[in-house]
């Protein structure tokens, strides 16, 4: 257990659990409100500045509260878990790289068998062959998750899990993450260069359920932030590359729910057997 340092250590420990979502959401919406009132693309100036400034909120909240709770030692520990590759075994590396392609292909096959759609996939080769598109997708798929995972899982999930256990902690963590994502559907032009066009009724529950899967990897790799962001990034990149049909996304919610239910049962069984 890392001991807090400095005159702010007691306040940080007592209110730090709920300070994160207040900081995380408040900072983001402070900068995003002007975008929501604009008709210009989110990628145009000055909207892109507002978007990126607000999007930094999980990282800013995580490192600020980590510094208040544990000082330099806590910050160094957070940074080390972001770069320490030794926490990721070959087994977990295979899971990180292969889970989402296998999951998406399985769900595509199930959609065909069940009559959901006869064309579940439309592979977007431009993602790999067009440098500008590839750079944009790598940014969305891996750089943004790095910013998110440091605060959400690297800092806040640990605080939640200590209080509530993995299942409730994941649901609180994922629910707050979903609220943070909700404005994206109203940002002008945000998804213009992607095949993904979400609707809140299936997207927000999916985010909550996907959090449990990210937490599964995070806990299985000794709290590796690097593992969580790579797994998160592969989820984004795989879906974009495979070009999932629009009717697939509500159907994918059922697959996410099934996978999450298996995880919850395994966590409960492990706690009962402990």
C-alpha atoms as a PDB file:
ATOM      1  CA  UNK A   1       0.000   0.000   0.000  1.00  0.00           C
ATOM      2  CA  UNK A   2       1.411   3.377  -0.986  1.00  0.00           C
ATOM      3  CA  UNK A   3       1.324   5.913   1.826  1.00  0.00           C
ATOM      4  CA  UNK A   4       0.067   9.427   0.905  1.00  0.00           C
ATOM      5  CA  UNK A   5       2.503  12.273   1.466  1.00  0.00           C
ATOM      6  CA  UNK A   6       2.175  15.977   2.161  1.00  0.00           C
ATOM      7  CA  UNK A   7      -0.511  18.188   3.706  1.00  0.00           C
ATOM      8  CA  UNK A   8      -3.161  17.102   1.196  1.00  0.00           C
ATOM      9  CA  UNK A   9      -2.850  13.387   1.917  1.00  0.00           C
ATOM     10  CA  UNK A  10      -5.928  13.053   4.158  1.00  0.00           C
ATOM     11  CA  UNK A  11      -8.351  14.959   1.908  1.00  0.00           C
ATOM     12  CA  UNK A  12      -7.051  13.070  -1.135  1.00  0.00           C
ATOM     13  CA  UNK A  13      -7.688   9.733   0.541  1.00  0.00           C
ATOM     14  CA  UNK A  14     -11.120  10.614   1.895  1.00  0.00           C
ATOM     15  CA  UNK A  15     -12.631  12.222  -1.190  1.00  0.00           C
ATOM     16  CA  UNK A  16     -10.387  10.786  -3.902  1.00  0.00           C
ATOM     17  CA  UNK A  17     -12.788   7.976  -4.820  1.00  0.00           C
ATOM     18  CA  UNK A  18     -15.496  10.364  -6.017  1.00  0.00           C
ATOM     19  CA  UNK A  19     -13.219  13.256  -6.924  1.00  0.00           C
ATOM     20  CA  UNK A  20     -12.166  11.334 -10.016  1.00  0.00           C
ATOM     21  CA  UNK A  21     -15.561  11.290 -11.784  1.00  0.00           C
ATOM     22  CA  UNK A  22     -16.189  14.924 -10.822  1.00  0.00           C
ATOM     23  CA  UNK A  23     -12.838  15.997 -12.254  1.00  0.00           C
ATOM     24  CA  UNK A  24     -13.070  13.587 -15.208  1.00  0.00           C
ATOM     25  CA  UNK A  25     -16.559  14.609 -16.356  1.00  0.00           C
ATOM     26  CA  UNK A  26     -16.461  18.240 -15.265  1.00  0.00           C
ATOM     27  CA  UNK A  27     -13.221  19.064 -17.083  1.00  0.00           C
ATOM     28  CA  UNK A  28     -14.390  17.311 -20.266  1.00  0.00           C
ATOM     29  CA  UNK A  29     -17.814  18.954 -20.468  1.00  0.00           C
ATOM     30  CA  UNK A  30     -16.335  22.369 -19.692  1.00  0.00           C
ATOM     31  CA  UNK A  31     -14.479  22.225 -23.013  1.00  0.00           C
ATOM     32  CA  UNK A  32     -17.007  20.173 -24.983  1.00  0.00           C
ATOM     33  CA  UNK A  33     -20.049  22.399 -24.483  1.00  0.00           C
ATOM     34  CA  UNK A  34     -18.818  24.901 -27.138  1.00  0.00           C
ATOM     35  CA  UNK A  35     -18.489  22.041 -29.649  1.00  0.00           C
ATOM     36  CA  UNK A  36     -22.051  20.902 -29.006  1.00  0.00           C
ATOM     37  CA  UNK A  37     -23.266  24.416 -29.779  1.00  0.00           C
ATOM     38  CA  UNK A  38     -21.245  24.623 -32.995  1.00  0.00           C
ATOM     39  CA  UNK A  39     -22.169  23.564 -36.523  1.00  0.00           C
ATOM     40  CA  UNK A  40     -18.514  23.311 -37.608  1.00  0.00           C
ATOM     41  CA  UNK A  41     -16.696  19.959 -37.664  1.00  0.00           C
ATOM     42  CA  UNK A  42     -15.123  18.816 -34.432  1.00  0.00           C
ATOM     43  CA  UNK A  43     -11.877  18.482 -36.411  1.00  0.00           C
ATOM     44  CA  UNK A  44     -11.849  22.172 -37.414  1.00  0.00           C
ATOM     45  CA  UNK A  45     -10.359  25.029 -35.400  1.00  0.00           C
ATOM     46  CA  UNK A  46     -11.066  25.915 -32.637  1.00  0.00           C
ATOM     47  CA  UNK A  47     -13.278  22.878 -32.028  1.00  0.00           C
ATOM     48  CA  UNK A  48     -10.423  20.398 -32.278  1.00  0.00           C
ATOM     49  CA  UNK A  49      -8.637  22.286 -29.507  1.00  0.00           C
ATOM     50  CA  UNK A  50     -11.714  22.101 -27.293  1.00  0.00           C
ATOM     51  CA  UNK A  51     -12.124  18.415 -28.076  1.00  0.00           C
ATOM     52  CA  UNK A  52      -8.526  17.495 -27.255  1.00  0.00           C
ATOM     53  CA  UNK A  53      -8.459  19.648 -24.124  1.00  0.00           C
ATOM     54  CA  UNK A  54     -11.616  17.980 -22.819  1.00  0.00           C
ATOM     55  CA  UNK A  55     -10.442  14.570 -23.977  1.00  0.00           C
ATOM     56  CA  UNK A  56      -7.379  14.834 -21.742  1.00  0.00           C
ATOM     57  CA  UNK A  57      -9.622  14.699 -18.665  1.00  0.00           C
ATOM     58  CA  UNK A  58      -9.075  11.012 -17.718  1.00  0.00           C
ATOM     59  CA  UNK A  59      -5.302  11.445 -17.842  1.00  0.00           C
ATOM     60  CA  UNK A  60      -5.370  14.751 -15.963  1.00  0.00           C
ATOM     61  CA  UNK A  61      -7.747  13.416 -13.318  1.00  0.00           C
ATOM     62  CA  UNK A  62      -5.691  10.261 -12.850  1.00  0.00           C
ATOM     63  CA  UNK A  63      -2.274  11.867 -12.478  1.00  0.00           C
ATOM     64  CA  UNK A  64      -3.553  14.772 -10.369  1.00  0.00           C
ATOM     65  CA  UNK A  65      -5.339  12.562  -7.866  1.00  0.00           C
ATOM     66  CA  UNK A  66      -2.508  10.019  -7.864  1.00  0.00           C
ATOM     67  CA  UNK A  67      -0.110  12.830  -6.967  1.00  0.00           C
ATOM     68  CA  UNK A  68      -2.399  14.013  -4.161  1.00  0.00           C
ATOM     69  CA  UNK A  69      -2.888  10.502  -2.820  1.00  0.00           C
ATOM     70  CA  UNK A  70       0.654   9.182  -3.087  1.00  0.00           C
ATOM     71  CA  UNK A  71       2.997  11.868  -4.344  1.00  0.00           C
ATOM     72  CA  UNK A  72       5.927  11.093  -6.619  1.00  0.00           C
ATOM     73  CA  UNK A  73       5.954   7.438  -5.602  1.00  0.00           C
ATOM     74  CA  UNK A  74       2.373   6.891  -6.768  1.00  0.00           C
ATOM     75  CA  UNK A  75       3.034   8.737 -10.043  1.00  0.00           C
ATOM     76  CA  UNK A  76       6.125   6.653 -10.739  1.00  0.00           C
ATOM     77  CA  UNK A  77       4.190   3.471 -10.028  1.00  0.00           C
ATOM     78  CA  UNK A  78       1.449   4.592 -12.418  1.00  0.00           C
ATOM     79  CA  UNK A  79       3.987   5.372 -15.135  1.00  0.00           C
ATOM     80  CA  UNK A  80       5.808   2.091 -14.654  1.00  0.00           C
ATOM     81  CA  UNK A  81       2.620   0.088 -15.164  1.00  0.00           C
ATOM     82  CA  UNK A  82       2.189   1.951 -18.459  1.00  0.00           C
ATOM     83  CA  UNK A  83       5.547   0.780 -19.877  1.00  0.00           C
ATOM     84  CA  UNK A  84       6.358  -2.476 -18.056  1.00  0.00           C
ATOM     85  CA  UNK A  85       6.057  -5.172 -20.726  1.00  0.00           C
ATOM     86  CA  UNK A  86       7.062  -7.921 -18.292  1.00  0.00           C
ATOM     87  CA  UNK A  87       3.584  -7.902 -16.770  1.00  0.00           C
ATOM     88  CA  UNK A  88       2.165  -9.203 -20.070  1.00  0.00           C
ATOM     89  CA  UNK A  89       2.825 -12.923 -20.487  1.00  0.00           C
ATOM     90  CA  UNK A  90       2.750 -14.572 -23.904  1.00  0.00           C
ATOM     91  CA  UNK A  91      -0.661 -16.017 -23.058  1.00  0.00           C
ATOM     92  CA  UNK A  92      -2.090 -12.605 -22.271  1.00  0.00           C
ATOM     93  CA  UNK A  93      -0.404 -11.053 -25.300  1.00  0.00           C
ATOM     94  CA  UNK A  94      -2.171 -13.613 -27.489  1.00  0.00           C
ATOM     95  CA  UNK A  95      -5.485 -12.780 -25.806  1.00  0.00           C
ATOM     96  CA  UNK A  96      -4.902  -9.054 -26.294  1.00  0.00           C
ATOM     97  CA  UNK A  97      -4.123  -9.440 -30.007  1.00  0.00           C
ATOM     98  CA  UNK A  98      -6.603 -12.166 -30.939  1.00  0.00           C
ATOM     99  CA  UNK A  99      -9.645 -11.769 -28.696  1.00  0.00           C
ATOM    100  CA  UNK A 100     -11.413  -9.000 -30.617  1.00  0.00           C
ATOM    101  CA  UNK A 101     -10.800 -10.402 -34.132  1.00  0.00           C
ATOM    102  CA  UNK A 102     -12.046 -13.805 -32.932  1.00  0.00           C
ATOM    103  CA  UNK A 103     -15.004 -12.297 -31.071  1.00  0.00           C
ATOM    104  CA  UNK A 104     -16.081 -10.080 -33.969  1.00  0.00           C
ATOM    105  CA  UNK A 105     -15.754 -12.884 -36.517  1.00  0.00           C
ATOM    106  CA  UNK A 106     -17.724 -15.242 -34.266  1.00  0.00           C
ATOM    107  CA  UNK A 107     -20.486 -12.672 -33.853  1.00  0.00           C
ATOM    108  CA  UNK A 108     -20.496 -12.072 -37.621  1.00  0.00           C
ATOM    109  CA  UNK A 109     -20.972 -15.795 -38.231  1.00  0.00           C
ATOM    110  CA  UNK A 110     -23.723 -15.954 -35.613  1.00  0.00           C
ATOM    111  CA  UNK A 111     -25.475 -12.992 -37.249  1.00  0.00           C
ATOM    112  CA  UNK A 112     -25.556 -14.817 -40.587  1.00  0.00           C
ATOM    113  CA  UNK A 113     -26.839 -18.053 -39.020  1.00  0.00           C
ATOM    114  CA  UNK A 114     -29.553 -16.220 -37.061  1.00  0.00           C
ATOM    115  CA  UNK A 115     -30.625 -14.112 -40.039  1.00  0.00           C
ATOM    116  CA  UNK A 116     -29.564 -10.767 -38.573  1.00  0.00           C
ATOM    117  CA  UNK A 117     -27.742  -9.873 -41.782  1.00  0.00           C
ATOM    118  CA  UNK A 118     -26.301 -11.684 -44.771  1.00  0.00           C
ATOM    119  CA  UNK A 119     -23.359  -9.266 -45.027  1.00  0.00           C
ATOM    120  CA  UNK A 120     -22.043  -8.675 -41.516  1.00  0.00           C
ATOM    121  CA  UNK A 121     -18.609  -7.499 -42.632  1.00  0.00           C
ATOM    122  CA  UNK A 122     -17.188  -5.122 -45.200  1.00  0.00           C
ATOM    123  CA  UNK A 123     -13.427  -5.128 -44.705  1.00  0.00           C
ATOM    124  CA  UNK A 124     -12.030  -1.605 -45.050  1.00  0.00           C
ATOM    125  CA  UNK A 125      -8.681  -2.152 -46.761  1.00  0.00           C
ATOM    126  CA  UNK A 126      -8.089   1.610 -46.881  1.00  0.00           C
ATOM    127  CA  UNK A 127      -7.392   1.445 -43.158  1.00  0.00           C
ATOM    128  CA  UNK A 128      -4.153  -0.370 -44.008  1.00  0.00           C
ATOM    129  CA  UNK A 129      -3.315   0.955 -47.473  1.00  0.00           C
ATOM    130  CA  UNK A 130      -3.976   4.698 -47.132  1.00  0.00           C
ATOM    131  CA  UNK A 131      -1.379   6.372 -44.873  1.00  0.00           C
ATOM    132  CA  UNK A 132      -3.633   9.237 -43.812  1.00  0.00           C
ATOM    133  CA  UNK A 133      -6.507   6.908 -42.927  1.00  0.00           C
ATOM    134  CA  UNK A 134      -4.170   4.506 -41.159  1.00  0.00           C
ATOM    135  CA  UNK A 135      -2.640   7.323 -39.088  1.00  0.00           C
ATOM    136  CA  UNK A 136      -6.090   8.617 -38.124  1.00  0.00           C
ATOM    137  CA  UNK A 137      -7.308   5.166 -37.121  1.00  0.00           C
ATOM    138  CA  UNK A 138      -4.172   4.423 -35.101  1.00  0.00           C
ATOM    139  CA  UNK A 139      -4.715   7.724 -33.290  1.00  0.00           C
ATOM    140  CA  UNK A 140      -8.337   6.899 -32.494  1.00  0.00           C
ATOM    141  CA  UNK A 141      -7.592   3.257 -31.733  1.00  0.00           C
ATOM    142  CA  UNK A 142      -4.479   3.431 -29.546  1.00  0.00           C
ATOM    143  CA  UNK A 143      -3.458   6.976 -28.566  1.00  0.00           C
ATOM    144  CA  UNK A 144      -6.822   8.017 -27.139  1.00  0.00           C
ATOM    145  CA  UNK A 145      -7.150   4.728 -25.182  1.00  0.00           C
ATOM    146  CA  UNK A 146      -3.740   5.423 -23.646  1.00  0.00           C
ATOM    147  CA  UNK A 147      -5.090   8.696 -22.277  1.00  0.00           C
ATOM    148  CA  UNK A 148      -8.237   6.984 -21.006  1.00  0.00           C
ATOM    149  CA  UNK A 149      -6.679   3.882 -19.461  1.00  0.00           C
ATOM    150  CA  UNK A 150      -4.148   5.704 -17.275  1.00  0.00           C
ATOM    151  CA  UNK A 151      -6.903   7.432 -15.314  1.00  0.00           C
ATOM    152  CA  UNK A 152      -9.888   5.135 -15.642  1.00  0.00           C
ATOM    153  CA  UNK A 153      -8.295   1.789 -14.997  1.00  0.00           C
ATOM    154  CA  UNK A 154      -4.765   2.639 -13.841  1.00  0.00           C
ATOM    155  CA  UNK A 155      -5.929   4.974 -11.081  1.00  0.00           C
ATOM    156  CA  UNK A 156      -9.680   4.951 -10.490  1.00  0.00           C
ATOM    157  CA  UNK A 157     -10.511   1.272 -10.941  1.00  0.00           C
ATOM    158  CA  UNK A 158      -8.009   0.324  -8.245  1.00  0.00           C
ATOM    159  CA  UNK A 159      -9.671   2.750  -5.837  1.00  0.00           C
ATOM    160  CA  UNK A 160     -13.127   1.395  -6.694  1.00  0.00           C
ATOM    161  CA  UNK A 161     -12.094  -2.246  -6.473  1.00  0.00           C
ATOM    162  CA  UNK A 162     -10.647  -1.748  -2.998  1.00  0.00           C
ATOM    163  CA  UNK A 163     -14.058  -0.482  -1.851  1.00  0.00           C
ATOM    164  CA  UNK A 164     -16.519  -2.544  -3.914  1.00  0.00           C
ATOM    165  CA  UNK A 165     -14.813  -5.567  -5.476  1.00  0.00           C
ATOM    166  CA  UNK A 166     -14.220  -6.158  -9.210  1.00  0.00           C
ATOM    167  CA  UNK A 167     -17.789  -6.471 -10.488  1.00  0.00           C
ATOM    168  CA  UNK A 168     -19.362  -3.387  -8.897  1.00  0.00           C
ATOM    169  CA  UNK A 169     -16.160  -1.439  -9.468  1.00  0.00           C
ATOM    170  CA  UNK A 170     -16.244  -2.322 -13.179  1.00  0.00           C
ATOM    171  CA  UNK A 171     -19.891  -1.300 -13.511  1.00  0.00           C
ATOM    172  CA  UNK A 172     -19.310   2.071 -11.813  1.00  0.00           C
ATOM    173  CA  UNK A 173     -16.162   2.616 -13.850  1.00  0.00           C
ATOM    174  CA  UNK A 174     -17.871   1.641 -17.097  1.00  0.00           C
ATOM    175  CA  UNK A 175     -21.020   3.649 -16.399  1.00  0.00           C
ATOM    176  CA  UNK A 176     -18.993   6.806 -15.851  1.00  0.00           C
ATOM    177  CA  UNK A 177     -16.950   6.066 -18.962  1.00  0.00           C
ATOM    178  CA  UNK A 178     -20.196   5.730 -20.937  1.00  0.00           C
ATOM    179  CA  UNK A 179     -21.446   9.127 -19.715  1.00  0.00           C
ATOM    180  CA  UNK A 180     -18.170  10.677 -20.853  1.00  0.00           C
ATOM    181  CA  UNK A 181     -18.627   9.181 -24.340  1.00  0.00           C
ATOM    182  CA  UNK A 182     -22.260  10.219 -24.788  1.00  0.00           C
ATOM    183  CA  UNK A 183     -21.532  13.691 -26.306  1.00  0.00           C
ATOM    184  CA  UNK A 184     -19.509  12.085 -29.102  1.00  0.00           C
ATOM    185  CA  UNK A 185     -22.679  11.243 -31.021  1.00  0.00           C
ATOM    186  CA  UNK A 186     -23.481  14.968 -31.247  1.00  0.00           C
ATOM    187  CA  UNK A 187     -19.989  16.221 -32.156  1.00  0.00           C
ATOM    188  CA  UNK A 188     -20.290  17.417 -35.785  1.00  0.00           C
ATOM    189  CA  UNK A 189     -18.215  15.227 -38.090  1.00  0.00           C
ATOM    190  CA  UNK A 190     -16.586  13.127 -35.370  1.00  0.00           C
ATOM    191  CA  UNK A 191     -17.330   9.820 -37.104  1.00  0.00           C
ATOM    192  CA  UNK A 192     -17.137  11.156 -40.661  1.00  0.00           C
ATOM    193  CA  UNK A 193     -13.951   9.195 -41.458  1.00  0.00           C
ATOM    194  CA  UNK A 194     -15.065   5.958 -39.803  1.00  0.00           C
ATOM    195  CA  UNK A 195     -17.636   3.239 -40.470  1.00  0.00           C
ATOM    196  CA  UNK A 196     -18.935   3.541 -36.913  1.00  0.00           C
ATOM    197  CA  UNK A 197     -22.145   5.508 -36.315  1.00  0.00           C
ATOM    198  CA  UNK A 198     -23.365   4.771 -32.785  1.00  0.00           C
ATOM    199  CA  UNK A 199     -26.783   5.113 -31.229  1.00  0.00           C
ATOM    200  CA  UNK A 200     -26.906   5.708 -27.499  1.00  0.00           C
ATOM    201  CA  UNK A 201     -29.381   2.925 -26.691  1.00  0.00           C
ATOM    202  CA  UNK A 202     -26.933   0.176 -27.641  1.00  0.00           C
ATOM    203  CA  UNK A 203     -23.590   2.004 -27.491  1.00  0.00           C
ATOM    204  CA  UNK A 204     -23.619   3.112 -23.853  1.00  0.00           C
ATOM    205  CA  UNK A 205     -24.529  -0.351 -22.450  1.00  0.00           C
ATOM    206  CA  UNK A 206     -21.837  -1.823 -24.702  1.00  0.00           C
ATOM    207  CA  UNK A 207     -19.242   0.516 -23.166  1.00  0.00           C
ATOM    208  CA  UNK A 208     -20.217  -0.632 -19.675  1.00  0.00           C
ATOM    209  CA  UNK A 209     -19.974  -4.304 -20.649  1.00  0.00           C
ATOM    210  CA  UNK A 210     -16.702  -3.826 -22.529  1.00  0.00           C
ATOM    211  CA  UNK A 211     -15.275  -2.300 -19.372  1.00  0.00           C
ATOM    212  CA  UNK A 212     -15.584  -5.659 -17.665  1.00  0.00           C
ATOM    213  CA  UNK A 213     -13.557  -7.243 -20.470  1.00  0.00           C
ATOM    214  CA  UNK A 214     -10.861  -4.567 -20.222  1.00  0.00           C
ATOM    215  CA  UNK A 215     -10.770  -5.066 -16.458  1.00  0.00           C
ATOM    216  CA  UNK A 216     -10.398  -8.818 -17.028  1.00  0.00           C
ATOM    217  CA  UNK A 217      -7.186  -8.157 -18.983  1.00  0.00           C
ATOM    218  CA  UNK A 218      -6.044  -5.458 -16.557  1.00  0.00           C
ATOM    219  CA  UNK A 219      -6.382  -7.730 -13.525  1.00  0.00           C
ATOM    220  CA  UNK A 220      -4.942 -10.739 -15.330  1.00  0.00           C
ATOM    221  CA  UNK A 221      -1.759  -8.859 -16.221  1.00  0.00           C
ATOM    222  CA  UNK A 222      -0.978  -7.630 -12.704  1.00  0.00           C
ATOM    223  CA  UNK A 223      -2.726  -4.264 -13.261  1.00  0.00           C
ATOM    224  CA  UNK A 224      -0.876  -3.503 -16.481  1.00  0.00           C
ATOM    225  CA  UNK A 225      -2.070  -0.215 -17.956  1.00  0.00           C
ATOM    226  CA  UNK A 226      -0.191  -1.095 -21.140  1.00  0.00           C
ATOM    227  CA  UNK A 227      -2.177  -4.327 -21.496  1.00  0.00           C
ATOM    228  CA  UNK A 228      -5.467  -2.504 -20.940  1.00  0.00           C
ATOM    229  CA  UNK A 229      -4.743   0.154 -23.548  1.00  0.00           C
ATOM    230  CA  UNK A 230      -3.566  -2.397 -26.135  1.00  0.00           C
ATOM    231  CA  UNK A 231      -6.691  -4.492 -25.585  1.00  0.00           C
ATOM    232  CA  UNK A 232      -8.852  -1.359 -25.785  1.00  0.00           C
ATOM    233  CA  UNK A 233      -7.034  -0.263 -28.934  1.00  0.00           C
ATOM    234  CA  UNK A 234      -7.449  -3.648 -30.603  1.00  0.00           C
ATOM    235  CA  UNK A 235     -11.192  -3.474 -29.904  1.00  0.00           C
ATOM    236  CA  UNK A 236     -11.396  -0.140 -31.738  1.00  0.00           C
ATOM    237  CA  UNK A 237      -9.085  -1.044 -34.603  1.00  0.00           C
ATOM    238  CA  UNK A 238     -10.571  -4.486 -35.277  1.00  0.00           C
ATOM    239  CA  UNK A 239     -14.121  -3.180 -35.519  1.00  0.00           C
ATOM    240  CA  UNK A 240     -13.067  -0.436 -37.906  1.00  0.00           C
ATOM    241  CA  UNK A 241     -10.934  -2.707 -40.104  1.00  0.00           C
ATOM    242  CA  UNK A 242     -13.576  -5.423 -40.376  1.00  0.00           C
ATOM    243  CA  UNK A 243     -16.204  -2.833 -41.269  1.00  0.00           C
ATOM    244  CA  UNK A 244     -19.019  -4.227 -39.169  1.00  0.00           C
ATOM    245  CA  UNK A 245     -22.417  -3.633 -40.756  1.00  0.00           C
ATOM    246  CA  UNK A 246     -24.679  -1.136 -38.908  1.00  0.00           C
ATOM    247  CA  UNK A 247     -27.145  -3.858 -37.932  1.00  0.00           C
ATOM    248  CA  UNK A 248     -24.295  -5.772 -36.265  1.00  0.00           C
ATOM    249  CA  UNK A 249     -23.744  -3.275 -33.456  1.00  0.00           C
ATOM    250  CA  UNK A 250     -27.020  -3.830 -31.566  1.00  0.00           C
ATOM    251  CA  UNK A 251     -26.445  -7.573 -32.025  1.00  0.00           C
ATOM    252  CA  UNK A 252     -22.912  -7.248 -30.628  1.00  0.00           C
ATOM    253  CA  UNK A 253     -24.464  -5.973 -27.404  1.00  0.00           C
ATOM    254  CA  UNK A 254     -25.776  -9.494 -26.750  1.00  0.00           C
ATOM    255  CA  UNK A 255     -22.307 -10.953 -27.268  1.00  0.00           C
ATOM    256  CA  UNK A 256     -20.767  -8.403 -24.917  1.00  0.00           C
ATOM    257  CA  UNK A 257     -23.420  -9.210 -22.304  1.00  0.00           C
ATOM    258  CA  UNK A 258     -22.713 -12.941 -22.564  1.00  0.00           C
ATOM    259  CA  UNK A 259     -18.947 -12.453 -22.237  1.00  0.00           C
ATOM    260  CA  UNK A 260     -19.427 -10.098 -19.284  1.00  0.00           C
ATOM    261  CA  UNK A 261     -21.766 -12.561 -17.556  1.00  0.00           C
ATOM    262  CA  UNK A 262     -19.150 -15.310 -17.842  1.00  0.00           C
ATOM    263  CA  UNK A 263     -16.566 -13.013 -16.261  1.00  0.00           C
ATOM    264  CA  UNK A 264     -18.854 -12.000 -13.395  1.00  0.00           C
ATOM    265  CA  UNK A 265     -19.628 -15.639 -12.627  1.00  0.00           C
ATOM    266  CA  UNK A 266     -15.928 -16.530 -12.667  1.00  0.00           C
ATOM    267  CA  UNK A 267     -15.093 -13.635 -10.310  1.00  0.00           C
ATOM    268  CA  UNK A 268     -17.864 -14.642  -7.925  1.00  0.00           C
ATOM    269  CA  UNK A 269     -16.725 -18.257  -7.998  1.00  0.00           C
ATOM    270  CA  UNK A 270     -13.124 -17.296  -7.295  1.00  0.00           C
ATOM    271  CA  UNK A 271     -14.212 -15.137  -4.332  1.00  0.00           C
ATOM    272  CA  UNK A 272     -16.366 -17.914  -2.928  1.00  0.00           C
ATOM    273  CA  UNK A 273     -13.494 -20.360  -3.249  1.00  0.00           C
ATOM    274  CA  UNK A 274     -10.972 -17.994  -1.688  1.00  0.00           C
END
